[in-house]
mmCIF file of all heavy atoms, coordinates in Angstrom:
data_MODEL
# 
_entry.id   MODEL 
# 
loop_
_atom_site.group_PDB 
_atom_site.id 
_atom_site.type_symbol 
_atom_site.label_atom_id 
_atom_site.label_alt_id 
_atom_site.label_comp_id 
_atom_site.label_asym_id 
_atom_site.label_entity_id 
_atom_site.label_seq_id 
_atom_site.pdbx_PDB_ins_code 
_atom_site.Cartn_x 
_atom_site.Cartn_y 
_atom_site.Cartn_z 
_atom_site.occupancy 
_atom_site.B_iso_or_equiv 
_atom_site.pdbx_formal_charge 
_atom_site.auth_seq_id 
_atom_site.auth_comp_id 
_atom_site.auth_asym_id 
_atom_site.auth_atom_id 
_atom_site.pdbx_PDB_model_num 
ATOM 1   N N   . VAL A 1 1  ? -17.392 -28.931 34.989 1.00 0.00 ? 1  VAL A N   1 
ATOM 2   C CA  . VAL A 1 1  ? -16.490 -29.623 35.915 1.00 0.00 ? 1  VAL A CA  1 
ATOM 3   C C   . VAL A 1 1  ? -17.279 -30.311 37.012 1.00 0.00 ? 1  VAL A C   1 
ATOM 4   O O   . VAL A 1 1  ? -17.012 -31.453 37.366 1.00 0.00 ? 1  VAL A O   1 
ATOM 5   C CB  . VAL A 1 1  ? -15.463 -28.627 36.509 1.00 0.00 ? 1  VAL A CB  1 
ATOM 6   C CG1 . VAL A 1 1  ? -14.686 -29.264 37.648 1.00 0.00 ? 1  VAL A CG1 1 
ATOM 7   C CG2 . VAL A 1 1  ? -14.516 -28.142 35.429 1.00 0.00 ? 1  VAL A CG2 1 
ATOM 8   N N   . SER A 1 2  ? -18.292 -29.661 37.558 1.00 0.00 ? 2  SER A N   1 
ATOM 9   C CA  . SER A 1 2  ? -19.067 -30.289 38.630 1.00 0.00 ? 2  SER A CA  1 
ATOM 10  C C   . SER A 1 2  ? -19.875 -31.476 38.105 1.00 0.00 ? 2  SER A C   1 
ATOM 11  O O   . SER A 1 2  ? -20.099 -32.451 38.808 1.00 0.00 ? 2  SER A O   1 
ATOM 12  C CB  . SER A 1 2  ? -19.959 -29.280 39.333 1.00 0.00 ? 2  SER A CB  1 
ATOM 13  O OG  . SER A 1 2  ? -20.973 -28.830 38.468 1.00 0.00 ? 2  SER A OG  1 
ATOM 14  N N   . ALA A 1 3  ? -20.324 -31.451 36.849 1.00 0.00 ? 3  ALA A N   1 
ATOM 15  C CA  . ALA A 1 3  ? -21.100 -32.554 36.278 1.00 0.00 ? 3  ALA A CA  1 
ATOM 16  C C   . ALA A 1 3  ? -20.217 -33.763 36.020 1.00 0.00 ? 3  ALA A C   1 
ATOM 17  O O   . ALA A 1 3  ? -20.677 -34.894 36.004 1.00 0.00 ? 3  ALA A O   1 
ATOM 18  C CB  . ALA A 1 3  ? -21.778 -32.093 34.997 1.00 0.00 ? 3  ALA A CB  1 
ATOM 19  N N   . CYS A 1 4  ? -18.949 -33.542 35.775 1.00 0.00 ? 4  CYS A N   1 
ATOM 20  C CA  . CYS A 1 4  ? -18.024 -34.652 35.485 1.00 0.00 ? 4  CYS A CA  1 
ATOM 21  C C   . CYS A 1 4  ? -17.521 -35.327 36.738 1.00 0.00 ? 4  CYS A C   1 
ATOM 22  O O   . CYS A 1 4  ? -16.802 -36.304 36.666 1.00 0.00 ? 4  CYS A O   1 
ATOM 23  C CB  . CYS A 1 4  ? -16.823 -34.129 34.688 1.00 0.00 ? 4  CYS A CB  1 
ATOM 24  S SG  . CYS A 1 4  ? -17.274 -33.627 33.028 1.00 0.00 ? 4  CYS A SG  1 
ATOM 25  N N   . GLY A 1 5  ? -17.863 -34.813 37.869 1.00 0.00 ? 5  GLY A N   1 
ATOM 26  C CA  . GLY A 1 5  ? -17.372 -35.364 39.123 1.00 0.00 ? 5  GLY A CA  1 
ATOM 27  C C   . GLY A 1 5  ? -17.802 -36.790 39.326 1.00 0.00 ? 5  GLY A C   1 
ATOM 28  O O   . GLY A 1 5  ? -17.315 -37.714 38.710 1.00 0.00 ? 5  GLY A O   1 
ATOM 29  N N   . LYS A 1 6  ? -18.750 -37.021 40.159 1.00 0.00 ? 6  LYS A N   1 
ATOM 30  C CA  . LYS A 1 6  ? -19.207 -38.360 40.540 1.00 0.00 ? 6  LYS A CA  1 
ATOM 31  C C   . LYS A 1 6  ? -20.449 -38.722 39.754 1.00 0.00 ? 6  LYS A C   1 
ATOM 32  O O   . LYS A 1 6  ? -21.458 -38.049 39.844 1.00 0.00 ? 6  LYS A O   1 
ATOM 33  C CB  . LYS A 1 6  ? -19.500 -38.378 42.034 1.00 0.00 ? 6  LYS A CB  1 
ATOM 34  C CG  . LYS A 1 6  ? -19.748 -39.728 42.573 1.00 0.00 ? 6  LYS A CG  1 
ATOM 35  C CD  . LYS A 1 6  ? -19.857 -39.690 44.072 1.00 0.00 ? 6  LYS A CD  1 
ATOM 36  C CE  . LYS A 1 6  ? -20.099 -41.056 44.598 1.00 0.00 ? 6  LYS A CE  1 
ATOM 37  N NZ  . LYS A 1 6  ? -20.265 -41.080 46.033 1.00 0.00 ? 6  LYS A NZ  1 
ATOM 38  N N   . VAL A 1 7  ? -20.343 -39.740 38.959 1.00 0.00 ? 7  VAL A N   1 
ATOM 39  C CA  . VAL A 1 7  ? -21.495 -40.206 38.180 1.00 0.00 ? 7  VAL A CA  1 
ATOM 40  C C   . VAL A 1 7  ? -21.944 -41.533 38.797 1.00 0.00 ? 7  VAL A C   1 
ATOM 41  O O   . VAL A 1 7  ? -21.139 -42.442 38.976 1.00 0.00 ? 7  VAL A O   1 
ATOM 42  C CB  . VAL A 1 7  ? -21.107 -40.417 36.701 1.00 0.00 ? 7  VAL A CB  1 
ATOM 43  C CG1 . VAL A 1 7  ? -22.270 -40.976 35.934 1.00 0.00 ? 7  VAL A CG1 1 
ATOM 44  C CG2 . VAL A 1 7  ? -20.638 -39.108 36.104 1.00 0.00 ? 7  VAL A CG2 1 
ATOM 45  N N   . SER A 1 8  ? -23.183 -41.640 39.113 1.00 0.00 ? 8  SER A N   1 
ATOM 46  C CA  . SER A 1 8  ? -23.731 -42.862 39.717 1.00 0.00 ? 8  SER A CA  1 
ATOM 47  C C   . SER A 1 8  ? -24.360 -43.708 38.632 1.00 0.00 ? 8  SER A C   1 
ATOM 48  O O   . SER A 1 8  ? -25.216 -43.256 37.884 1.00 0.00 ? 8  SER A O   1 
ATOM 49  C CB  . SER A 1 8  ? -24.767 -42.471 40.764 1.00 0.00 ? 8  SER A CB  1 
ATOM 50  O OG  . SER A 1 8  ? -25.369 -43.624 41.265 1.00 0.00 ? 8  SER A OG  1 
ATOM 51  N N   . THR A 1 9  ? -23.912 -44.953 38.536 1.00 0.00 ? 9  THR A N   1 
ATOM 52  C CA  . THR A 1 9  ? -24.499 -45.884 37.571 1.00 0.00 ? 9  THR A CA  1 
ATOM 53  C C   . THR A 1 9  ? -25.245 -46.946 38.334 1.00 0.00 ? 9  THR A C   1 
ATOM 54  O O   . THR A 1 9  ? -24.725 -47.522 39.275 1.00 0.00 ? 9  THR A O   1 
ATOM 55  C CB  . THR A 1 9  ? -23.383 -46.572 36.752 1.00 0.00 ? 9  THR A CB  1 
ATOM 56  O OG1 . THR A 1 9  ? -22.132 -46.077 37.090 1.00 0.00 ? 9  THR A OG1 1 
ATOM 57  C CG2 . THR A 1 9  ? -23.627 -46.511 35.296 1.00 0.00 ? 9  THR A CG2 1 
ATOM 58  N N   . PRO A 1 10 ? -26.462 -47.242 37.906 1.00 0.00 ? 10 PRO A N   1 
ATOM 59  C CA  . PRO A 1 10 ? -27.203 -48.286 38.607 1.00 0.00 ? 10 PRO A CA  1 
ATOM 60  C C   . PRO A 1 10 ? -26.544 -49.641 38.382 1.00 0.00 ? 10 PRO A C   1 
ATOM 61  O O   . PRO A 1 10 ? -26.044 -49.926 37.300 1.00 0.00 ? 10 PRO A O   1 
ATOM 62  C CB  . PRO A 1 10 ? -28.596 -48.234 37.969 1.00 0.00 ? 10 PRO A CB  1 
ATOM 63  C CG  . PRO A 1 10 ? -28.455 -47.491 36.701 1.00 0.00 ? 10 PRO A CG  1 
ATOM 64  C CD  . PRO A 1 10 ? -27.218 -46.650 36.825 1.00 0.00 ? 10 PRO A CD  1 
ATOM 65  N N   . THR A 1 11 ? -26.521 -50.465 39.401 1.00 0.00 ? 11 THR A N   1 
ATOM 66  C CA  . THR A 1 11 ? -25.946 -51.808 39.292 1.00 0.00 ? 11 THR A CA  1 
ATOM 67  C C   . THR A 1 11 ? -26.973 -52.825 39.732 1.00 0.00 ? 11 THR A C   1 
ATOM 68  O O   . THR A 1 11 ? -27.870 -52.542 40.528 1.00 0.00 ? 11 THR A O   1 
ATOM 69  C CB  . THR A 1 11 ? -24.683 -51.961 40.169 1.00 0.00 ? 11 THR A CB  1 
ATOM 70  O OG1 . THR A 1 11 ? -25.045 -51.689 41.517 1.00 0.00 ? 11 THR A OG1 1 
ATOM 71  C CG2 . THR A 1 11 ? -23.581 -51.004 39.716 1.00 0.00 ? 11 THR A CG2 1 
ATOM 72  N N   . SER A 1 12 ? -26.809 -54.049 39.230 1.00 0.00 ? 12 SER A N   1 
ATOM 73  C CA  . SER A 1 12 ? -27.685 -55.134 39.643 1.00 0.00 ? 12 SER A CA  1 
ATOM 74  C C   . SER A 1 12 ? -27.219 -55.671 40.978 1.00 0.00 ? 12 SER A C   1 
ATOM 75  O O   . SER A 1 12 ? -26.032 -55.615 41.284 1.00 0.00 ? 12 SER A O   1 
ATOM 76  C CB  . SER A 1 12 ? -27.633 -56.279 38.613 1.00 0.00 ? 12 SER A CB  1 
ATOM 77  O OG  . SER A 1 12 ? -28.040 -55.805 37.363 1.00 0.00 ? 12 SER A OG  1 
ATOM 78  N N   . PRO A 1 13 ? -28.122 -56.226 41.763 1.00 0.00 ? 13 PRO A N   1 
ATOM 79  C CA  . PRO A 1 13 ? -27.678 -56.819 43.025 1.00 0.00 ? 13 PRO A CA  1 
ATOM 80  C C   . PRO A 1 13 ? -26.789 -58.016 42.732 1.00 0.00 ? 13 PRO A C   1 
ATOM 81  O O   . PRO A 1 13 ? -26.929 -58.674 41.708 1.00 0.00 ? 13 PRO A O   1 
ATOM 82  C CB  . PRO A 1 13 ? -28.973 -57.241 43.709 1.00 0.00 ? 13 PRO A CB  1 
ATOM 83  C CG  . PRO A 1 13 ? -30.001 -57.287 42.639 1.00 0.00 ? 13 PRO A CG  1 
ATOM 84  C CD  . PRO A 1 13 ? -29.545 -56.354 41.566 1.00 0.00 ? 13 PRO A CD  1 
ATOM 85  N N   . PRO A 1 14 ? -25.841 -58.308 43.601 1.00 0.00 ? 14 PRO A N   1 
ATOM 86  C CA  . PRO A 1 14 ? -24.962 -59.452 43.367 1.00 0.00 ? 14 PRO A CA  1 
ATOM 87  C C   . PRO A 1 14 ? -25.747 -60.761 43.363 1.00 0.00 ? 14 PRO A C   1 
ATOM 88  O O   . PRO A 1 14 ? -26.719 -60.914 44.084 1.00 0.00 ? 14 PRO A O   1 
ATOM 89  C CB  . PRO A 1 14 ? -23.967 -59.424 44.530 1.00 0.00 ? 14 PRO A CB  1 
ATOM 90  C CG  . PRO A 1 14 ? -24.621 -58.581 45.578 1.00 0.00 ? 14 PRO A CG  1 
ATOM 91  C CD  . PRO A 1 14 ? -25.569 -57.657 44.861 1.00 0.00 ? 14 PRO A CD  1 
ATOM 92  N N   . VAL A 1 15 ? -25.304 -61.676 42.526 1.00 0.00 ? 15 VAL A N   1 
ATOM 93  C CA  . VAL A 1 15 ? -25.952 -62.974 42.421 1.00 0.00 ? 15 VAL A CA  1 
ATOM 94  C C   . VAL A 1 15 ? -25.220 -63.935 43.327 1.00 0.00 ? 15 VAL A C   1 
ATOM 95  O O   . VAL A 1 15 ? -24.004 -64.090 43.235 1.00 0.00 ? 15 VAL A O   1 
ATOM 96  C CB  . VAL A 1 15 ? -25.917 -63.486 40.957 1.00 0.00 ? 15 VAL A CB  1 
ATOM 97  C CG1 . VAL A 1 15 ? -26.522 -64.875 40.866 1.00 0.00 ? 15 VAL A CG1 1 
ATOM 98  C CG2 . VAL A 1 15 ? -26.644 -62.514 40.052 1.00 0.00 ? 15 VAL A CG2 1 
ATOM 99  N N   . SER A 1 16 ? -25.931 -64.616 44.182 1.00 0.00 ? 16 SER A N   1 
ATOM 100 C CA  . SER A 1 16 ? -25.357 -65.591 45.089 1.00 0.00 ? 16 SER A CA  1 
ATOM 101 C C   . SER A 1 16 ? -25.179 -66.908 44.357 1.00 0.00 ? 16 SER A C   1 
ATOM 102 O O   . SER A 1 16 ? -26.114 -67.444 43.794 1.00 0.00 ? 16 SER A O   1 
ATOM 103 C CB  . SER A 1 16 ? -26.251 -65.764 46.306 1.00 0.00 ? 16 SER A CB  1 
ATOM 104 O OG  . SER A 1 16 ? -25.796 -66.819 47.099 1.00 0.00 ? 16 SER A OG  1 
ATOM 105 N N   . THR A 1 17 ? -23.957 -67.443 44.390 1.00 0.00 ? 17 THR A N   1 
ATOM 106 C CA  . THR A 1 17 ? -23.713 -68.726 43.718 1.00 0.00 ? 17 THR A CA  1 
ATOM 107 C C   . THR A 1 17 ? -24.008 -69.917 44.624 1.00 0.00 ? 17 THR A C   1 
ATOM 108 O O   . THR A 1 17 ? -24.026 -71.054 44.166 1.00 0.00 ? 17 THR A O   1 
ATOM 109 C CB  . THR A 1 17 ? -22.258 -68.819 43.242 1.00 0.00 ? 17 THR A CB  1 
ATOM 110 O OG1 . THR A 1 17 ? -21.399 -68.598 44.364 1.00 0.00 ? 17 THR A OG1 1 
ATOM 111 C CG2 . THR A 1 17 ? -21.977 -67.801 42.164 1.00 0.00 ? 17 THR A CG2 1 
ATOM 112 N N   . ASP A 1 18 ? -24.226 -69.665 45.915 1.00 0.00 ? 18 ASP A N   1 
ATOM 113 C CA  . ASP A 1 18 ? -24.509 -70.795 46.808 1.00 0.00 ? 18 ASP A CA  1 
ATOM 114 C C   . ASP A 1 18 ? -26.004 -70.919 47.075 1.00 0.00 ? 18 ASP A C   1 
ATOM 115 O O   . ASP A 1 18 ? -26.418 -71.554 48.029 1.00 0.00 ? 18 ASP A O   1 
ATOM 116 C CB  . ASP A 1 18 ? -23.712 -70.685 48.107 1.00 0.00 ? 18 ASP A CB  1 
ATOM 117 C CG  . ASP A 1 18 ? -23.930 -69.355 48.826 1.00 0.00 ? 18 ASP A CG  1 
ATOM 118 O OD1 . ASP A 1 18 ? -24.733 -68.528 48.355 1.00 0.00 ? 18 ASP A OD1 1 
ATOM 119 O OD2 . ASP A 1 18 ? -23.289 -69.148 49.846 1.00 0.00 ? 18 ASP A OD2 1 
ATOM 120 N N   . SER A 1 19 ? -26.805 -70.354 46.213 1.00 0.00 ? 19 SER A N   1 
ATOM 121 C CA  . SER A 1 19 ? -28.256 -70.477 46.329 1.00 0.00 ? 19 SER A CA  1 
ATOM 122 C C   . SER A 1 19 ? -28.661 -71.908 46.008 1.00 0.00 ? 19 SER A C   1 
ATOM 123 O O   . SER A 1 19 ? -28.150 -72.516 45.078 1.00 0.00 ? 19 SER A O   1 
ATOM 124 C CB  . SER A 1 19 ? -28.931 -69.505 45.359 1.00 0.00 ? 19 SER A CB  1 
ATOM 125 O OG  . SER A 1 19 ? -30.287 -69.818 45.236 1.00 0.00 ? 19 SER A OG  1 
ATOM 126 N N   . PRO A 1 20 ? -29.607 -72.474 46.741 1.00 0.00 ? 20 PRO A N   1 
ATOM 127 C CA  . PRO A 1 20 ? -30.011 -73.850 46.465 1.00 0.00 ? 20 PRO A CA  1 
ATOM 128 C C   . PRO A 1 20 ? -30.640 -74.002 45.084 1.00 0.00 ? 20 PRO A C   1 
ATOM 129 O O   . PRO A 1 20 ? -30.690 -75.095 44.552 1.00 0.00 ? 20 PRO A O   1 
ATOM 130 C CB  . PRO A 1 20 ? -31.001 -74.183 47.579 1.00 0.00 ? 20 PRO A CB  1 
ATOM 131 C CG  . PRO A 1 20 ? -31.414 -72.878 48.144 1.00 0.00 ? 20 PRO A CG  1 
ATOM 132 C CD  . PRO A 1 20 ? -30.320 -71.898 47.867 1.00 0.00 ? 20 PRO A CD  1 
ATOM 133 N N   . ASN A 1 21 ? -31.118 -72.934 44.480 1.00 0.00 ? 21 ASN A N   1 
ATOM 134 C CA  . ASN A 1 21 ? -31.733 -73.034 43.172 1.00 0.00 ? 21 ASN A CA  1 
ATOM 135 C C   . ASN A 1 21 ? -30.707 -73.017 42.044 1.00 0.00 ? 21 ASN A C   1 
ATOM 136 O O   . ASN A 1 21 ? -31.054 -73.206 40.889 1.00 0.00 ? 21 ASN A O   1 
ATOM 137 C CB  . ASN A 1 21 ? -32.727 -71.890 42.965 1.00 0.00 ? 21 ASN A CB  1 
ATOM 138 C CG  . ASN A 1 21 ? -33.866 -71.973 43.944 1.00 0.00 ? 21 ASN A CG  1 
ATOM 139 O OD1 . ASN A 1 21 ? -34.216 -73.068 44.400 1.00 0.00 ? 21 ASN A OD1 1 
ATOM 140 N ND2 . ASN A 1 21 ? -34.435 -70.847 44.309 1.00 0.00 ? 21 ASN A ND2 1 
ATOM 141 N N   . MET A 1 22 ? -29.446 -72.794 42.348 1.00 0.00 ? 22 MET A N   1 
ATOM 142 C CA  . MET A 1 22 ? -28.427 -72.681 41.304 1.00 0.00 ? 22 MET A CA  1 
ATOM 143 C C   . MET A 1 22 ? -27.939 -74.039 40.816 1.00 0.00 ? 22 MET A C   1 
ATOM 144 O O   . MET A 1 22 ? -27.477 -74.155 39.715 1.00 0.00 ? 22 MET A O   1 
ATOM 145 C CB  . MET A 1 22 ? -27.218 -71.865 41.819 1.00 0.00 ? 22 MET A CB  1 
ATOM 146 C CG  . MET A 1 22 ? -27.547 -70.420 42.109 1.00 0.00 ? 22 MET A CG  1 
ATOM 147 S SD  . MET A 1 22 ? -28.149 -69.523 40.693 1.00 0.00 ? 22 MET A SD  1 
ATOM 148 C CE  . MET A 1 22 ? -26.630 -69.306 39.797 1.00 0.00 ? 22 MET A CE  1 
ATOM 149 N N   . SER A 1 23 ? -27.989 -75.072 41.614 1.00 0.00 ? 23 SER A N   1 
ATOM 150 C CA  . SER A 1 23 ? -27.519 -76.379 41.175 1.00 0.00 ? 23 SER A CA  1 
ATOM 151 C C   . SER A 1 23 ? -28.681 -77.368 41.185 1.00 0.00 ? 23 SER A C   1 
ATOM 152 O O   . SER A 1 23 ? -29.533 -77.306 42.070 1.00 0.00 ? 23 SER A O   1 
ATOM 153 C CB  . SER A 1 23 ? -26.381 -76.877 42.073 1.00 0.00 ? 23 SER A CB  1 
ATOM 154 O OG  . SER A 1 23 ? -26.853 -77.010 43.398 1.00 0.00 ? 23 SER A OG  1 
ATOM 155 N N   . PRO A 1 24 ? -28.689 -78.294 40.212 1.00 0.00 ? 24 PRO A N   1 
ATOM 156 C CA  . PRO A 1 24 ? -29.794 -79.235 40.170 1.00 0.00 ? 24 PRO A CA  1 
ATOM 157 C C   . PRO A 1 24 ? -29.734 -80.212 41.339 1.00 0.00 ? 24 PRO A C   1 
ATOM 158 O O   . PRO A 1 24 ? -28.671 -80.513 41.854 1.00 0.00 ? 24 PRO A O   1 
ATOM 159 C CB  . PRO A 1 24 ? -29.589 -79.968 38.837 1.00 0.00 ? 24 PRO A CB  1 
ATOM 160 C CG  . PRO A 1 24 ? -28.131 -79.790 38.528 1.00 0.00 ? 24 PRO A CG  1 
ATOM 161 C CD  . PRO A 1 24 ? -27.726 -78.491 39.166 1.00 0.00 ? 24 PRO A CD  1 
ATOM 162 N N   . GLU A 1 25 ? -30.904 -80.657 41.742 1.00 0.00 ? 25 GLU A N   1 
ATOM 163 C CA  . GLU A 1 25 ? -30.980 -81.662 42.791 1.00 0.00 ? 25 GLU A CA  1 
ATOM 164 C C   . GLU A 1 25 ? -30.393 -82.968 42.279 1.00 0.00 ? 25 GLU A C   1 
ATOM 165 O O   . GLU A 1 25 ? -30.573 -83.315 41.114 1.00 0.00 ? 25 GLU A O   1 
ATOM 166 C CB  . GLU A 1 25 ? -32.456 -81.906 43.172 1.00 0.00 ? 25 GLU A CB  1 
ATOM 167 C CG  . GLU A 1 25 ? -33.072 -80.765 43.924 1.00 0.00 ? 25 GLU A CG  1 
ATOM 168 C CD  . GLU A 1 25 ? -32.495 -80.596 45.303 1.00 0.00 ? 25 GLU A CD  1 
ATOM 169 O OE1 . GLU A 1 25 ? -32.263 -81.602 45.997 1.00 0.00 ? 25 GLU A OE1 1 
ATOM 170 O OE2 . GLU A 1 25 ? -32.245 -79.447 45.688 1.00 0.00 ? 25 GLU A OE2 1 
# 
Protein backbone atom coordinates (compact mmCIF):
# COMPACT_ATOMS: atom_id res chain seq x y z
CA VAL A 1 0.00 0.00 0.00
CA SER A 2 2.78 2.46 0.82
CA ALA A 3 4.57 1.69 -2.48
CA CYS A 4 1.42 2.39 -4.49
CA GLY A 5 1.05 5.83 -2.99
CA LYS A 6 2.94 8.58 -4.77
CA VAL A 7 5.00 7.55 -7.76
CA SER A 8 7.31 10.18 -9.22
CA THR A 9 7.86 10.08 -12.96
CA PRO A 10 10.61 12.14 -14.52
CA THR A 11 9.35 14.75 -16.97
CA SER A 12 11.06 16.82 -19.63
CA PRO A 13 11.30 20.55 -19.11
CA PRO A 14 8.58 22.48 -20.93
CA VAL A 15 9.43 23.63 -24.43
CA SER A 16 9.01 27.34 -25.05
CA THR A 17 7.22 28.08 -28.32
CA ASP A 18 8.23 31.74 -28.33
CA SER A 19 11.93 30.96 -28.56
CA PRO A 20 13.64 32.87 -31.38
CA ASN A 21 15.10 29.59 -32.66
CA MET A 22 11.66 28.05 -33.21
CA SER A 23 10.69 30.08 -36.29
CA PRO A 24 12.83 30.73 -39.34
CA GLU A 25 14.19 34.19 -39.94
